[in-house]
Amino acid sequence: MRSTVVRGVTLIWLAASLIGCVLSPMEKRGESLDPGEPQATQPASEGSAPGAPPPVGLRVGNTAPDFELEELGGDTIRLHDYRGQVVMLNFWATWCGFCRVELPHMQRAYETYGDRGFTVLAINVREEAGPVRAFVEDMGMTFPVPLDTAGEVLSQYRIRGLPTSVFIDQEGVILAIRVGPVEEEMIETYLAQAGIE
């Protein structure tokens, strides 16, 4: 009987820990990011004129919203500067355990496919440069790490949990949105959809 109770309490604690890692810092403070707008998981409407670019939005099939952030190395990063490449926007933080798990998969994919038109923009959210720099060096991350210290791009993309990845094709159109950690095989699947193998 006692072991059943201990096992139940352990499972509840584990579930609460996992949920705490996935929730964004905004949700922890009770802020809302427009709960009426669903996370982009379905194709955008077909209302665009033939030949016109898809509308800017947060659904699969929309043109990804542009942004400008300072990268950890001091350079300015603009999403539109990456047109012609497949971009994996990854929203993460150093305190997020699932983020730590997925980063080696992202690094391997970046090393394998970087010369074929793939890049990772690992957007760190709401942390200062010093601790992020130490973490990046410790993890051996070589892809760009834009700093969203104010959480503006996090809000712009309506990110509700970390990690979240937004895959964007060569034309700047959202291919997929993945909430939760990614593995190298998932990244390869999205790259194949964009014609990179």
Protein backbone atom coordinates (compact mmCIF):
# COMPACT_ATOMS: atom_id res chain seq x y z
CA MET A 1 0.00 0.00 0.00
CA ARG A 2 2.75 2.42 0.98
CA SER A 3 4.71 1.78 -2.24
CA THR A 4 1.56 2.50 -4.28
CA VAL A 5 1.15 5.87 -2.55
CA VAL A 6 4.85 6.70 -3.02
CA ARG A 7 4.64 5.71 -6.70
CA GLY A 8 1.53 7.89 -7.19
CA VAL A 9 3.13 10.91 -5.52
CA THR A 10 6.28 10.39 -7.61
CA LEU A 11 4.26 10.29 -10.84
CA ILE A 12 2.38 13.46 -9.89
CA TRP A 13 5.66 15.21 -9.06
CA LEU A 14 7.20 14.08 -12.37
CA ALA A 15 4.19 15.29 -14.37
CA ALA A 16 4.24 18.66 -12.60
CA SER A 17 7.98 19.01 -13.29
CA LEU A 18 7.53 18.30 -16.98
CA ILE A 19 4.66 20.75 -17.30
CA GLY A 20 6.71 23.41 -15.52
CA CYS A 21 9.51 23.07 -18.04
CA VAL A 22 7.22 23.30 -21.04
CA LEU A 23 5.32 26.38 -19.86
CA SER A 24 6.80 29.65 -20.98
CA PRO A 25 7.84 32.28 -18.46
CA MET A 26 4.73 34.30 -19.45
CA GLU A 27 2.38 31.50 -18.53
CA LYS A 28 4.15 31.05 -15.21
CA ARG A 29 3.22 34.67 -14.42
CA GLY A 30 -0.33 34.15 -15.66
CA GLU A 31 -0.03 36.37 -18.73
CA SER A 32 -2.02 35.47 -21.82
CA LEU A 33 -0.95 35.53 -25.44
CA ASP A 34 -4.45 35.75 -26.94
CA PRO A 35 -5.92 32.36 -26.04
CA GLY A 36 -8.51 32.72 -28.80
CA GLU A 37 -5.82 32.34 -31.49
CA PRO A 38 -4.83 28.70 -31.94
CA GLN A 39 -1.20 27.63 -32.17
CA ALA A 40 -0.39 27.37 -35.87
CA THR A 41 -0.94 23.74 -36.78
CA GLN A 42 -3.20 23.87 -39.82
CA PRO A 43 -2.73 25.33 -43.31
CA ALA A 44 -3.56 28.98 -43.88
CA SER A 45 -6.66 29.86 -45.85
CA GLU A 46 -6.49 29.81 -49.64
CA GLY A 47 -7.65 33.43 -50.00
CA SER A 48 -4.44 34.75 -51.62
CA ALA A 49 -4.39 35.82 -55.26
CA PRO A 50 -2.58 33.42 -57.59
CA GLY A 51 1.14 34.22 -57.66
CA ALA A 52 0.90 36.51 -54.63
CA PRO A 53 2.93 35.61 -51.55
CA PRO A 54 0.93 34.10 -48.70
CA PRO A 55 -0.28 36.55 -46.07
CA VAL A 56 1.91 37.18 -43.04
CA GLY A 57 0.64 35.12 -40.13
CA LEU A 58 1.30 32.34 -37.67
CA ARG A 59 -0.29 29.37 -39.42
CA VAL A 60 1.31 26.74 -41.59
CA GLY A 61 1.27 28.21 -45.12
CA ASN A 62 1.55 31.85 -43.95
CA THR A 63 4.61 34.00 -44.51
CA ALA A 64 6.49 34.08 -41.19
CA PRO A 65 6.47 37.48 -39.46
CA ASP A 66 9.78 39.31 -39.83
CA PHE A 67 11.78 40.40 -36.80
CA GLU A 68 15.12 41.93 -35.88
CA LEU A 69 17.20 40.84 -32.88
CA GLU A 70 20.79 41.16 -31.74
CA GLU A 71 22.72 37.91 -31.94
CA LEU A 72 24.92 36.71 -29.07
CA GLY A 73 28.00 37.72 -31.09
CA GLY A 74 26.67 41.29 -31.51
CA ASP A 75 25.42 41.08 -35.11
CA THR A 76 21.86 42.07 -36.01
CA ILE A 77 19.69 39.16 -37.17
CA ARG A 78 16.72 39.80 -39.48
CA LEU A 79 14.56 36.89 -40.53
CA HIS A 80 14.11 38.21 -44.07
CA ASP A 81 17.90 38.08 -44.57
CA TYR A 82 17.60 34.27 -44.53
CA ARG A 83 15.31 34.04 -47.58
CA GLY A 84 16.61 31.28 -49.83
CA GLN A 85 17.41 29.06 -46.83
CA VAL A 86 15.29 26.73 -44.75
CA VAL A 87 15.21 28.24 -41.26
CA MET A 88 14.49 26.52 -37.98
CA LEU A 89 13.44 29.18 -35.47
CA ASN A 90 13.84 27.59 -32.07
CA PHE A 91 12.57 29.36 -28.96
CA TRP A 92 14.45 28.17 -25.87
CA ALA A 93 15.93 29.08 -22.48
CA THR A 94 18.86 27.82 -20.41
CA TRP A 95 16.57 26.72 -17.56
CA CYS A 96 14.48 24.47 -19.85
CA GLY A 97 15.41 20.79 -19.52
CA PHE A 98 13.75 19.76 -22.79
CA CYS A 99 15.68 22.52 -24.57
CA ARG A 100 18.94 21.06 -23.28
CA VAL A 101 17.90 17.62 -24.59
CA GLU A 102 17.12 18.85 -28.12
CA LEU A 103 20.11 21.15 -28.66
CA PRO A 104 22.58 18.36 -29.64
CA HIS A 105 20.08 17.16 -32.29
CA MET A 106 19.84 20.70 -33.66
CA GLN A 107 23.63 21.06 -33.69
CA ARG A 108 24.11 17.80 -35.63
CA ALA A 109 21.45 18.80 -38.18
CA TYR A 110 23.07 22.23 -38.56
CA GLU A 111 26.48 20.64 -39.14
CA THR A 112 25.06 18.11 -41.62
CA TYR A 113 22.74 20.36 -43.64
CA GLY A 114 24.17 23.85 -43.12
CA ASP A 115 26.01 23.82 -46.43
CA ARG A 116 22.83 22.68 -48.22
CA GLY A 117 20.74 25.72 -47.37
CA PHE A 118 19.63 25.06 -43.76
CA THR A 119 20.18 27.26 -40.74
CA VAL A 120 19.08 27.36 -37.12
CA LEU A 121 18.17 30.59 -35.35
CA ALA A 122 18.04 29.56 -31.69
CA ILE A 123 16.15 32.47 -30.12
CA ASN A 124 16.93 32.65 -26.43
CA VAL A 125 14.04 34.22 -24.53
CA ARG A 126 14.18 36.57 -21.56
CA GLU A 127 17.72 35.91 -20.41
CA GLU A 128 20.82 38.09 -20.26
CA ALA A 129 23.78 37.55 -22.59
CA GLY A 130 26.34 36.45 -19.96
CA PRO A 131 24.66 33.24 -18.76
CA VAL A 132 23.47 32.45 -22.30
CA ARG A 133 27.02 32.81 -23.68
CA ALA A 134 28.38 30.42 -21.02
CA PHE A 135 25.60 27.91 -21.77
CA VAL A 136 26.18 28.11 -25.55
CA GLU A 137 29.91 27.50 -25.10
CA ASP A 138 29.28 24.61 -22.72
CA MET A 139 26.84 22.98 -25.17
CA GLY A 140 29.09 23.54 -28.21
CA MET A 141 26.41 25.43 -30.15
CA THR A 142 27.75 26.99 -33.38
CA PHE A 143 24.52 28.29 -34.96
CA PRO A 144 23.29 31.87 -34.46
CA VAL A 145 21.71 32.65 -31.07
CA PRO A 146 19.54 35.80 -31.24
CA LEU A 147 18.64 37.28 -27.83
CA ASP A 148 14.98 38.12 -27.21
CA THR A 149 15.60 39.60 -23.76
CA ALA A 150 12.33 41.56 -23.73
CA GLY A 151 10.26 38.65 -25.06
CA GLU A 152 8.99 40.69 -28.03
CA VAL A 153 9.49 37.99 -30.68
CA LEU A 154 8.19 35.38 -28.21
CA SER A 155 4.98 37.43 -28.02
CA GLN A 156 4.93 38.20 -31.75
CA TYR A 157 4.99 34.46 -32.50
CA ARG A 158 2.55 33.72 -29.65
CA ILE A 159 4.83 31.08 -28.19
CA ARG A 160 3.17 29.39 -25.23
CA GLY A 161 5.75 26.78 -24.26
CA LEU A 162 9.44 26.03 -24.53
CA PRO A 163 10.94 24.64 -26.58
CA THR A 164 8.96 25.54 -29.70
CA SER A 165 10.35 25.31 -33.23
CA VAL A 166 8.99 27.03 -36.34
CA PHE A 167 10.24 25.61 -39.64
CA ILE A 168 10.29 28.15 -42.49
CA ASP A 169 10.96 27.35 -46.16
CA GLN A 170 13.17 29.16 -48.67
CA GLU A 171 10.35 31.58 -49.55
CA GLY A 172 9.73 32.55 -45.91
CA VAL A 173 6.59 30.41 -45.59
CA ILE A 174 5.88 28.43 -42.41
CA LEU A 175 6.23 24.69 -43.09
CA ALA A 176 5.55 23.39 -39.58
CA ILE A 177 5.36 24.35 -35.93
CA ARG A 178 6.55 21.90 -33.31
CA VAL A 179 5.85 22.45 -29.62
CA GLY A 180 8.22 20.36 -27.52
CA PRO A 181 11.67 18.95 -28.17
CA VAL A 182 12.78 17.89 -31.65
CA GLU A 183 15.08 15.09 -32.71
CA GLU A 184 17.37 15.05 -35.72
CA GLU A 185 14.98 12.75 -37.62
CA MET A 186 12.13 15.26 -37.23
CA ILE A 187 14.33 18.05 -38.53
CA GLU A 188 15.28 15.88 -41.52
CA THR A 189 11.58 15.26 -42.26
CA TYR A 190 10.88 19.00 -42.40
CA LEU A 191 13.99 19.59 -44.50
CA ALA A 192 12.85 16.93 -46.97
CA GLN A 193 9.50 18.76 -47.29
CA ALA A 194 11.53 21.80 -48.39
CA GLY A 195 13.62 19.77 -50.84
CA ILE A 196 16.79 19.43 -48.74
CA GLU A 197 18.08 15.88 -48.38
